[in-house]
Amino acid sequence: MALQELTARQRHDMSAAAMRTYPNIVRDWGLQEAEAALLLGVSESTYRHWRKDPEHANLDVNHLERMSLILGIYRALQILYPRPESADAWLQRPNRNPLFAGSPPLERLRSGLVQDLYFVRQHLNAALGGGYS
């Protein structure tokens, strides 16, 4: 089912589940609150509200798309780097791949653009041999 086809109840349930999970990813990746909000495409105050009360989070299609990409990045890193500390540090480490120009992948994500979430996800999918979606 496409995100656009979700019922209000399905979107609510997915929003609550996502906002119960996302703060753990933020912690594991060592992100600041402002970075967490930026990746999700919301203001810091909205992120704080949703984090404190996940049952009242109301993620729209754009936010759910971003969350799906973030969860995919997180999962891909956990597969590629079996040691959690290595997986979690990947976004923060300088990357020699020309796609990142020597900067940490997080620098690319700090643009706040959903395209950059796609870019990092596709990069990791390629590292997984393209077999992960």
N, C-alpha and C. Protein backbone atom coordinates (compact mmCIF):
# COMPACT_ATOMS: atom_id res chain seq x y z
N MET A 1 0.84 -1.18 0.00
CA MET A 1 0.00 0.00 0.00
C MET A 1 0.89 1.25 0.00
N ALA A 2 0.57 2.19 -0.85
CA ALA A 2 1.32 3.44 -0.92
C ALA A 2 0.95 4.32 0.27
N LEU A 3 1.90 5.15 0.69
CA LEU A 3 1.66 6.03 1.83
C LEU A 3 0.43 6.92 1.61
N GLN A 4 0.19 7.33 0.37
CA GLN A 4 -0.94 8.20 0.08
C GLN A 4 -2.28 7.50 0.29
N GLU A 5 -2.28 6.18 0.32
CA GLU A 5 -3.52 5.41 0.43
C GLU A 5 -3.85 5.01 1.86
N LEU A 6 -3.05 5.43 2.82
CA LEU A 6 -3.29 5.05 4.20
C LEU A 6 -4.56 5.71 4.74
N THR A 7 -5.28 4.97 5.55
CA THR A 7 -6.42 5.56 6.25
C THR A 7 -5.89 6.42 7.39
N ALA A 8 -6.75 7.24 7.93
CA ALA A 8 -6.34 8.09 9.06
C ALA A 8 -5.89 7.23 10.23
N ARG A 9 -6.56 6.13 10.49
CA ARG A 9 -6.19 5.24 11.60
C ARG A 9 -4.82 4.60 11.36
N GLN A 10 -4.58 4.14 10.13
CA GLN A 10 -3.29 3.54 9.80
C GLN A 10 -2.17 4.58 9.95
N ARG A 11 -2.42 5.78 9.49
CA ARG A 11 -1.41 6.84 9.60
C ARG A 11 -1.14 7.17 11.06
N HIS A 12 -2.18 7.22 11.87
CA HIS A 12 -2.02 7.48 13.31
C HIS A 12 -1.17 6.38 13.94
N ASP A 13 -1.50 5.12 13.67
CA ASP A 13 -0.77 4.00 14.25
C ASP A 13 0.70 4.01 13.82
N MET A 14 0.93 4.28 12.54
CA MET A 14 2.30 4.33 12.04
C MET A 14 3.06 5.51 12.65
N SER A 15 2.39 6.64 12.81
CA SER A 15 3.01 7.83 13.40
C SER A 15 3.45 7.54 14.83
N ALA A 16 2.55 6.94 15.61
CA ALA A 16 2.87 6.64 17.01
C ALA A 16 4.03 5.66 17.10
N ALA A 17 4.00 4.62 16.29
CA ALA A 17 5.08 3.63 16.31
C ALA A 17 6.41 4.27 15.89
N ALA A 18 6.36 5.10 14.87
CA ALA A 18 7.57 5.76 14.39
C ALA A 18 8.16 6.66 15.47
N MET A 19 7.31 7.39 16.16
CA MET A 19 7.82 8.32 17.16
C MET A 19 8.19 7.63 18.47
N ARG A 20 7.82 6.39 18.64
CA ARG A 20 8.35 5.62 19.77
C ARG A 20 9.74 5.08 19.42
N THR A 21 10.00 4.85 18.14
CA THR A 21 11.26 4.29 17.67
C THR A 21 12.31 5.35 17.35
N TYR A 22 11.91 6.43 16.71
CA TYR A 22 12.86 7.43 16.21
C TYR A 22 13.77 8.00 17.29
N PRO A 23 13.29 8.34 18.47
CA PRO A 23 14.22 8.88 19.49
C PRO A 23 15.35 7.91 19.84
N ASN A 24 15.11 6.61 19.72
CA ASN A 24 16.18 5.64 19.95
C ASN A 24 17.24 5.71 18.86
N ILE A 25 16.82 5.90 17.63
CA ILE A 25 17.76 6.05 16.52
C ILE A 25 18.55 7.34 16.71
N VAL A 26 17.87 8.41 17.07
CA VAL A 26 18.52 9.70 17.33
C VAL A 26 19.60 9.53 18.39
N ARG A 27 19.27 8.83 19.46
CA ARG A 27 20.25 8.58 20.53
C ARG A 27 21.42 7.75 20.01
N ASP A 28 21.11 6.66 19.30
CA ASP A 28 22.17 5.78 18.79
C ASP A 28 23.11 6.51 17.83
N TRP A 29 22.57 7.39 17.01
CA TRP A 29 23.36 8.11 16.04
C TRP A 29 24.05 9.34 16.65
N GLY A 30 23.73 9.67 17.88
CA GLY A 30 24.34 10.82 18.53
C GLY A 30 23.90 12.15 17.95
N LEU A 31 22.65 12.22 17.48
CA LEU A 31 22.14 13.45 16.89
C LEU A 31 21.67 14.43 17.95
N GLN A 32 21.79 15.69 17.65
CA GLN A 32 21.21 16.73 18.48
C GLN A 32 19.72 16.83 18.13
N GLU A 33 18.96 17.42 19.03
CA GLU A 33 17.52 17.57 18.79
C GLU A 33 17.23 18.32 17.48
N ALA A 34 18.01 19.35 17.20
CA ALA A 34 17.82 20.12 15.97
C ALA A 34 18.05 19.25 14.74
N GLU A 35 19.06 18.37 14.79
CA GLU A 35 19.33 17.47 13.65
C GLU A 35 18.20 16.46 13.50
N ALA A 36 17.71 15.95 14.61
CA ALA A 36 16.61 14.98 14.56
C ALA A 36 15.39 15.61 13.91
N ALA A 37 15.08 16.84 14.28
CA ALA A 37 13.94 17.55 13.70
C ALA A 37 14.16 17.81 12.22
N LEU A 38 15.38 18.22 11.86
CA LEU A 38 15.71 18.52 10.47
C LEU A 38 15.54 17.29 9.59
N LEU A 39 16.06 16.14 10.04
CA LEU A 39 15.93 14.92 9.24
C LEU A 39 14.47 14.54 9.03
N LEU A 40 13.66 14.80 10.05
CA LEU A 40 12.24 14.47 9.97
C LEU A 40 11.45 15.54 9.22
N GLY A 41 12.05 16.71 9.05
CA GLY A 41 11.38 17.77 8.30
C GLY A 41 10.37 18.55 9.12
N VAL A 42 10.64 18.70 10.42
CA VAL A 42 9.74 19.43 11.30
C VAL A 42 10.53 20.43 12.14
N SER A 43 9.81 21.31 12.83
CA SER A 43 10.47 22.23 13.75
C SER A 43 10.90 21.48 15.00
N GLU A 44 11.83 22.08 15.73
CA GLU A 44 12.28 21.45 16.98
C GLU A 44 11.13 21.30 17.97
N SER A 45 10.25 22.29 18.03
CA SER A 45 9.14 22.21 18.98
C SER A 45 8.17 21.08 18.60
N THR A 46 7.93 20.90 17.31
CA THR A 46 7.07 19.79 16.88
C THR A 46 7.72 18.47 17.20
N TYR A 47 9.02 18.35 16.93
CA TYR A 47 9.73 17.11 17.24
C TYR A 47 9.65 16.82 18.74
N ARG A 48 9.90 17.83 19.56
CA ARG A 48 9.83 17.64 21.02
C ARG A 48 8.45 17.17 21.46
N HIS A 49 7.42 17.80 20.90
CA HIS A 49 6.04 17.42 21.25
C HIS A 49 5.77 15.97 20.86
N TRP A 50 6.13 15.59 19.64
CA TRP A 50 5.90 14.22 19.17
C TRP A 50 6.72 13.22 19.96
N ARG A 51 7.95 13.59 20.32
CA ARG A 51 8.81 12.68 21.08
C ARG A 51 8.23 12.45 22.47
N LYS A 52 7.73 13.50 23.09
CA LYS A 52 7.19 13.37 24.45
C LYS A 52 5.84 12.66 24.48
N ASP A 53 5.07 12.78 23.39
CA ASP A 53 3.74 12.18 23.34
C ASP A 53 3.51 11.52 21.98
N PRO A 54 4.16 10.35 21.76
CA PRO A 54 4.08 9.70 20.45
C PRO A 54 2.66 9.36 20.00
N GLU A 55 1.78 9.14 20.95
CA GLU A 55 0.40 8.78 20.59
C GLU A 55 -0.34 9.94 19.93
N HIS A 56 0.18 11.16 20.09
CA HIS A 56 -0.45 12.32 19.46
C HIS A 56 0.35 12.85 18.27
N ALA A 57 1.36 12.09 17.87
CA ALA A 57 2.12 12.46 16.68
C ALA A 57 1.22 12.30 15.46
N ASN A 58 1.30 13.24 14.57
CA ASN A 58 0.47 13.20 13.37
C ASN A 58 1.36 13.43 12.15
N LEU A 59 2.09 12.39 11.78
CA LEU A 59 3.01 12.48 10.66
C LEU A 59 2.21 12.45 9.36
N ASP A 60 2.51 13.39 8.47
CA ASP A 60 1.85 13.37 7.17
C ASP A 60 2.66 12.46 6.23
N VAL A 61 2.25 12.39 5.00
CA VAL A 61 2.90 11.49 4.03
C VAL A 61 4.38 11.82 3.89
N ASN A 62 4.74 13.10 3.87
CA ASN A 62 6.13 13.50 3.76
C ASN A 62 6.93 13.00 4.96
N HIS A 63 6.40 13.16 6.16
CA HIS A 63 7.10 12.72 7.36
C HIS A 63 7.23 11.20 7.39
N LEU A 64 6.18 10.51 6.98
CA LEU A 64 6.24 9.04 6.95
C LEU A 64 7.26 8.56 5.93
N GLU A 65 7.35 9.26 4.80
CA GLU A 65 8.36 8.91 3.79
C GLU A 65 9.76 9.09 4.37
N ARG A 66 9.99 10.20 5.03
CA ARG A 66 11.29 10.46 5.65
C ARG A 66 11.59 9.40 6.71
N MET A 67 10.59 9.08 7.51
CA MET A 67 10.79 8.08 8.56
C MET A 67 11.13 6.72 7.94
N SER A 68 10.47 6.37 6.87
CA SER A 68 10.77 5.11 6.19
C SER A 68 12.22 5.09 5.71
N LEU A 69 12.69 6.19 5.15
CA LEU A 69 14.07 6.27 4.68
C LEU A 69 15.05 6.19 5.85
N ILE A 70 14.76 6.89 6.94
CA ILE A 70 15.62 6.85 8.12
C ILE A 70 15.69 5.44 8.69
N LEU A 71 14.55 4.79 8.81
CA LEU A 71 14.53 3.41 9.31
C LEU A 71 15.31 2.49 8.38
N GLY A 72 15.19 2.72 7.07
CA GLY A 72 15.95 1.91 6.10
C GLY A 72 17.45 2.13 6.23
N ILE A 73 17.85 3.36 6.44
CA ILE A 73 19.28 3.66 6.65
C ILE A 73 19.76 2.96 7.91
N TYR A 74 19.00 3.09 8.97
CA TYR A 74 19.38 2.47 10.24
C TYR A 74 19.52 0.96 10.09
N ARG A 75 18.54 0.35 9.45
CA ARG A 75 18.57 -1.11 9.27
C ARG A 75 19.75 -1.54 8.40
N ALA A 76 19.98 -0.83 7.32
CA ALA A 76 21.09 -1.17 6.42
C ALA A 76 22.42 -1.09 7.17
N LEU A 77 22.58 -0.05 7.98
CA LEU A 77 23.82 0.08 8.75
C LEU A 77 24.00 -1.06 9.74
N GLN A 78 22.91 -1.49 10.36
CA GLN A 78 22.98 -2.60 11.31
C GLN A 78 23.38 -3.91 10.60
N ILE A 79 22.98 -4.05 9.35
CA ILE A 79 23.34 -5.25 8.58
C ILE A 79 24.80 -5.16 8.13
N LEU A 80 25.20 -4.00 7.63
CA LEU A 80 26.56 -3.83 7.12
C LEU A 80 27.62 -3.86 8.21
N TYR A 81 27.27 -3.35 9.39
CA TYR A 81 28.22 -3.26 10.50
C TYR A 81 27.63 -3.98 11.71
N PRO A 82 27.97 -5.25 11.88
CA PRO A 82 27.38 -6.04 12.96
C PRO A 82 27.63 -5.48 14.37
N ARG A 83 28.71 -4.71 14.55
CA ARG A 83 28.94 -4.10 15.86
C ARG A 83 28.13 -2.80 15.92
N PRO A 84 27.18 -2.71 16.85
CA PRO A 84 26.30 -1.53 16.91
C PRO A 84 27.04 -0.21 16.95
N GLU A 85 28.15 -0.14 17.68
CA GLU A 85 28.87 1.13 17.77
C GLU A 85 29.45 1.54 16.42
N SER A 86 29.85 0.57 15.59
CA SER A 86 30.35 0.89 14.25
C SER A 86 29.21 1.35 13.34
N ALA A 87 28.09 0.66 13.42
CA ALA A 87 26.93 1.04 12.62
C ALA A 87 26.46 2.44 12.99
N ASP A 88 26.37 2.71 14.27
CA ASP A 88 25.86 3.99 14.73
C ASP A 88 26.81 5.14 14.43
N ALA A 89 28.11 4.88 14.36
CA ALA A 89 29.10 5.93 14.13
C ALA A 89 29.28 6.26 12.64
N TRP A 90 28.78 5.42 11.74
CA TRP A 90 29.01 5.58 10.32
C TRP A 90 28.61 6.96 9.81
N LEU A 91 27.48 7.47 10.22
CA LEU A 91 27.02 8.77 9.73
C LEU A 91 27.94 9.91 10.15
N GLN A 92 28.66 9.72 11.26
CA GLN A 92 29.49 10.79 11.82
C GLN A 92 30.94 10.76 11.30
N ARG A 93 31.34 9.63 10.72
CA ARG A 93 32.74 9.48 10.29
C ARG A 93 32.96 10.04 8.89
N PRO A 94 34.10 10.69 8.65
CA PRO A 94 34.42 11.12 7.28
C PRO A 94 34.39 9.92 6.35
N ASN A 95 33.89 10.15 5.15
CA ASN A 95 33.71 9.06 4.20
C ASN A 95 34.50 9.40 2.93
N ARG A 96 35.43 8.50 2.56
CA ARG A 96 36.29 8.74 1.40
C ARG A 96 35.57 8.52 0.08
N ASN A 97 34.38 7.94 0.11
CA ASN A 97 33.65 7.74 -1.12
C ASN A 97 33.43 9.10 -1.79
N PRO A 98 33.71 9.20 -3.10
CA PRO A 98 33.56 10.48 -3.79
C PRO A 98 32.16 11.09 -3.65
N LEU A 99 31.17 10.26 -3.39
CA LEU A 99 29.81 10.76 -3.23
C LEU A 99 29.66 11.66 -2.01
N PHE A 100 30.56 11.47 -1.04
CA PHE A 100 30.50 12.28 0.18
C PHE A 100 31.65 13.28 0.27
N ALA A 101 32.55 13.25 -0.68
CA ALA A 101 33.66 14.22 -0.78
C ALA A 101 34.47 14.32 0.50
N GLY A 102 34.65 13.18 1.17
CA GLY A 102 35.46 13.18 2.38
C GLY A 102 34.74 13.62 3.64
N SER A 103 33.52 14.06 3.51
CA SER A 103 32.74 14.52 4.66
C SER A 103 31.93 13.36 5.25
N PRO A 104 31.53 13.48 6.49
CA PRO A 104 30.64 12.46 7.06
C PRO A 104 29.28 12.49 6.32
N PRO A 105 28.67 11.34 6.11
CA PRO A 105 27.36 11.31 5.46
C PRO A 105 26.32 12.20 6.14
N LEU A 106 26.45 12.41 7.44
CA LEU A 106 25.52 13.28 8.15
C LEU A 106 25.55 14.69 7.58
N GLU A 107 26.69 15.14 7.08
CA GLU A 107 26.77 16.48 6.48
C GLU A 107 25.79 16.60 5.32
N ARG A 108 25.69 15.56 4.54
CA ARG A 108 24.75 15.57 3.41
C ARG A 108 23.32 15.62 3.92
N LEU A 109 23.05 14.88 4.99
CA LEU A 109 21.69 14.84 5.52
C LEU A 109 21.29 16.16 6.17
N ARG A 110 22.27 16.94 6.60
CA ARG A 110 21.98 18.23 7.24
C ARG A 110 21.38 19.25 6.27
N SER A 111 21.29 18.91 5.01
CA SER A 111 20.61 19.78 4.05
C SER A 111 19.12 19.86 4.38
N GLY A 112 18.61 18.80 5.01
CA GLY A 112 17.19 18.75 5.32
C GLY A 112 16.34 18.30 4.16
N LEU A 113 16.96 17.98 3.03
CA LEU A 113 16.22 17.57 1.84
C LEU A 113 15.96 16.07 1.84
N VAL A 114 14.74 15.70 1.50
CA VAL A 114 14.40 14.28 1.45
C VAL A 114 15.26 13.56 0.41
N GLN A 115 15.68 14.26 -0.64
CA GLN A 115 16.52 13.65 -1.67
C GLN A 115 17.82 13.12 -1.08
N ASP A 116 18.34 13.79 -0.08
CA ASP A 116 19.59 13.34 0.51
C ASP A 116 19.38 12.10 1.38
N LEU A 117 18.21 11.97 1.98
CA LEU A 117 17.88 10.71 2.67
C LEU A 117 17.84 9.57 1.65
N TYR A 118 17.21 9.82 0.50
CA TYR A 118 17.19 8.82 -0.58
C TYR A 118 18.60 8.48 -1.02
N PHE A 119 19.42 9.50 -1.19
CA PHE A 119 20.79 9.31 -1.66
C PHE A 119 21.56 8.37 -0.73
N VAL A 120 21.52 8.65 0.57
CA VAL A 120 22.24 7.81 1.53
C VAL A 120 21.65 6.42 1.56
N ARG A 121 20.34 6.31 1.51
CA ARG A 121 19.70 4.99 1.51
C ARG A 121 20.13 4.20 0.27
N GLN A 122 20.13 4.82 -0.89
CA GLN A 122 20.54 4.13 -2.11
C GLN A 122 22.01 3.72 -2.05
N HIS A 123 22.85 4.57 -1.50
CA HIS A 123 24.27 4.24 -1.33
C HIS A 123 24.42 2.97 -0.49
N LEU A 124 23.68 2.92 0.62
CA LEU A 124 23.76 1.74 1.49
C LEU A 124 23.14 0.52 0.83
N ASN A 125 22.08 0.70 0.07
CA ASN A 125 21.50 -0.42 -0.66
C ASN A 125 22.51 -1.02 -1.64
N ALA A 126 23.26 -0.15 -2.29
CA ALA A 126 24.29 -0.63 -3.21
C ALA A 126 25.35 -1.41 -2.45
N ALA A 127 25.72 -0.94 -1.28
CA ALA A 127 26.72 -1.65 -0.45
C ALA A 127 26.20 -3.01 -0.02
N LEU A 128 24.90 -3.13 0.11
CA LEU A 128 24.28 -4.40 0.47
C LEU A 128 24.07 -5.30 -0.75
N GLY A 129 24.50 -4.85 -1.89
CA GLY A 129 24.32 -5.63 -3.12
C GLY A 129 22.99 -5.41 -3.78
N GLY A 130 22.30 -4.36 -3.38
CA GLY A 130 21.02 -4.03 -4.01
C GLY A 130 19.87 -4.91 -3.58
N GLY A 131 20.14 -5.86 -2.67
CA GLY A 131 19.10 -6.80 -2.29
C GLY A 131 18.22 -6.38 -1.15
N TYR A 132 18.39 -5.17 -0.67
CA TYR A 132 17.63 -4.69 0.46
C TYR A 132 16.71 -3.57 0.00
N SER A 133 15.49 -3.60 0.42
CA SER A 133 14.59 -2.50 0.05
C SER A 133 13.88 -1.96 1.25
